[in-house]
Amino acid sequence: MDKDNGRVRLAKQPDAEYVLTTDKLCKRYKHVYAARDIDIRIRRGEIYGLIGRNGAGKTTIMRVLSGLSNATSGSYSLFGKTGREIRSVMGQVGALIEAPGIYANLNAVDNLRMKCIALNCDKPGYAEQLLELVGLSDTGKKPAGAFSLGMRQRLGIALAVVGDPKLVILDEPINGLDPQGIVDVRNILTRLRDERGMTIMISSHILDELGKFADCYGIINEGRLIDEFTRQDIQQRTGSFTVVSTDNNEKALAVIRDMSGLSAEIDGEKRIKITGEISRSANVVKCLVENDIFVREIKTESFSLEDYYLSVTRGGTTNA
């Protein structure tokens, strides 16, 4: 990884690995930037989670990348195409931006067939296959206007993948869903990635849920991409750990580091932070006492993707 203006960035890799890249992409409305100097890289076959609060610029970026809006400056590439050449590959991009564009008086099959006809892919049974994929095969003649929020979102995803696009851009597809609806959408997206080889860009406010299935993440704050990292990176930055406070932290640190399977460091609050086999807390205390070190406190804490996001957007520092 490298650092650019204080922001941690993924190390550059061969362009062939990337379905989508942006270079200082900007979108300005009059004198206000909704997105500024955005550098995003999305690898082929991954789920990329775009994280940010309302108004951070997520939807603006997605509208530009899906061809619904023009960038003010900067550039981006899709499947290796740039500039005017991007038009030739826009058919390989499916999108669900903001609310699903459904016909409320039509049932799920007819909604899909309308899109299939428009894209010249109205093959027998194709719409039904997509409905089975998103769990809507039993909706029959029920009009889409009578669907629950979760059903409408699943239909929206089905509409986004009509024509089997290589890249799918989804804006808040799990926002407002109940727990079961969130799980359903998660399963659909992982199937699209694993079974159909689709690359997916998804934005969400439900960060810990996003952390369960995304492969890479970008944090947007006030229109800027301030961090970008992989699942492996976040596993190192988050998770559970043990903290210990003693009367001699320097000596205690050396004792703990001598214990196999554990790594330790002194954190910003002058406590010892231990990662590794957390279940061995009792052994840690025993070793410290045997070395005449008084243990004032020992406890287990956790640091989630949401905690990491808040630490970054509030100006917190990280060791990444």
Foldseek 3Di string as FASTA:
>chain_A
DDDDPNFDDDDDDDPQQFQKWWAQWWADDVHATLAGGETDTFGFLFEEEEEEDPSLNPLVVLCCVLVNDPTPDTWMDGSNDTDPRVVVQSLLEFEDGDFAPADQQFQLLVRQQVLCVVVVNNDPPPSLVLCVLLVNNPVPGHGNNPDDLLVRLSSSVSSRCRVNHQEYEYEASCPPPDPVSLVSVLVSVVCCSPVSRHYYYYYHHPQQSCLVGGAKYFYGGNNYTRYIGGNVVVVVQWFKWKKWDWPDQVVLQVQQCPDPQKHWDQDPVRIIIIDGDRVCPVVSVVSCVVVVIGTPDMDMDTAGRVNVSCCVNVVHDGPD
